[in-house]
Amino acid sequence: MGLLSKLVAVKATLMGLGVGVAGGIALAAAAHAAIAIDSRK
């Protein structure tokens, strides 16, 4: 395995983690908003 392919793999992993974190934050925000709307009724 070459150094370049290792760097690409690491970059892809970091990008995947970034997307996962962003998605988790978005989900948490959406859930929080849904709970807030629900409790306002």
C-alpha atoms as a PDB file:
ATOM      1  CA  MET A   1       0.000   0.000   0.000  1.00  0.00           C
ATOM      2  CA  GLY A   2       1.501   3.282  -1.121  1.00  0.00           C
ATOM      3  CA  LEU A   3       1.737   6.417   0.967  1.00  0.00           C
ATOM      4  CA  LEU A   4      -0.657   8.271  -1.350  1.00  0.00           C
ATOM      5  CA  SER A   5      -3.408   5.664  -1.011  1.00  0.00           C
ATOM      6  CA  LYS A   6      -2.951   5.757   2.784  1.00  0.00           C
ATOM      7  CA  LEU A   7      -3.410   9.546   2.759  1.00  0.00           C
ATOM      8  CA  VAL A   8      -6.517   9.201   0.574  1.00  0.00           C
ATOM      9  CA  ALA A   9      -7.932   6.568   2.943  1.00  0.00           C
ATOM     10  CA  VAL A  10      -7.272   8.784   5.991  1.00  0.00           C
ATOM     11  CA  LYS A  11      -8.834  11.784   4.248  1.00  0.00           C
ATOM     12  CA  ALA A  12     -11.907   9.745   3.281  1.00  0.00           C
ATOM     13  CA  THR A  13     -12.234   8.497   6.881  1.00  0.00           C
ATOM     14  CA  LEU A  14     -11.965  12.038   8.283  1.00  0.00           C
ATOM     15  CA  MET A  15     -14.539  13.291   5.757  1.00  0.00           C
ATOM     16  CA  GLY A  16     -16.846  10.429   6.721  1.00  0.00           C
ATOM     17  CA  LEU A  17     -16.469  11.298  10.413  1.00  0.00           C
ATOM     18  CA  GLY A  18     -17.127  14.968   9.651  1.00  0.00           C
ATOM     19  CA  VAL A  19     -20.320  14.072   7.800  1.00  0.00           C
ATOM     20  CA  GLY A  20     -21.341  11.779  10.666  1.00  0.00           C
ATOM     21  CA  VAL A  21     -20.775  14.509  13.273  1.00  0.00           C
ATOM     22  CA  ALA A  22     -22.641  17.106  11.173  1.00  0.00           C
ATOM     23  CA  GLY A  23     -25.503  14.650  10.639  1.00  0.00           C
ATOM     24  CA  GLY A  24     -25.629  13.862  14.352  1.00  0.00           C
ATOM     25  CA  ILE A  25     -25.767  17.575  15.235  1.00  0.00           C
ATOM     26  CA  ALA A  26     -28.520  18.126  12.646  1.00  0.00           C
ATOM     27  CA  LEU A  27     -30.497  15.160  14.023  1.00  0.00           C
ATOM     28  CA  ALA A  28     -30.092  16.398  17.598  1.00  0.00           C
ATOM     29  CA  ALA A  29     -31.215  19.904  16.567  1.00  0.00           C
ATOM     30  CA  ALA A  30     -34.233  18.492  14.728  1.00  0.00           C
ATOM     31  CA  ALA A  31     -35.170  16.295  17.698  1.00  0.00           C
ATOM     32  CA  HIS A  32     -34.772  19.256  20.074  1.00  0.00           C
ATOM     33  CA  ALA A  33     -36.985  21.412  17.849  1.00  0.00           C
ATOM     34  CA  ALA A  34     -39.599  18.646  17.626  1.00  0.00           C
ATOM     35  CA  ILE A  35     -39.645  18.281  21.428  1.00  0.00           C
ATOM     36  CA  ALA A  36     -39.906  22.068  21.868  1.00  0.00           C
ATOM     37  CA  ILE A  37     -42.822  22.268  19.398  1.00  0.00           C
ATOM     38  CA  ASP A  38     -44.466  19.255  21.043  1.00  0.00           C
ATOM     39  CA  SER A  39     -44.253  20.709  24.559  1.00  0.00           C
ATOM     40  CA  ARG A  40     -45.713  24.034  23.378  1.00  0.00           C
ATOM     41  CA  LYS A  41     -49.081  22.442  22.508  1.00  0.00           C
END
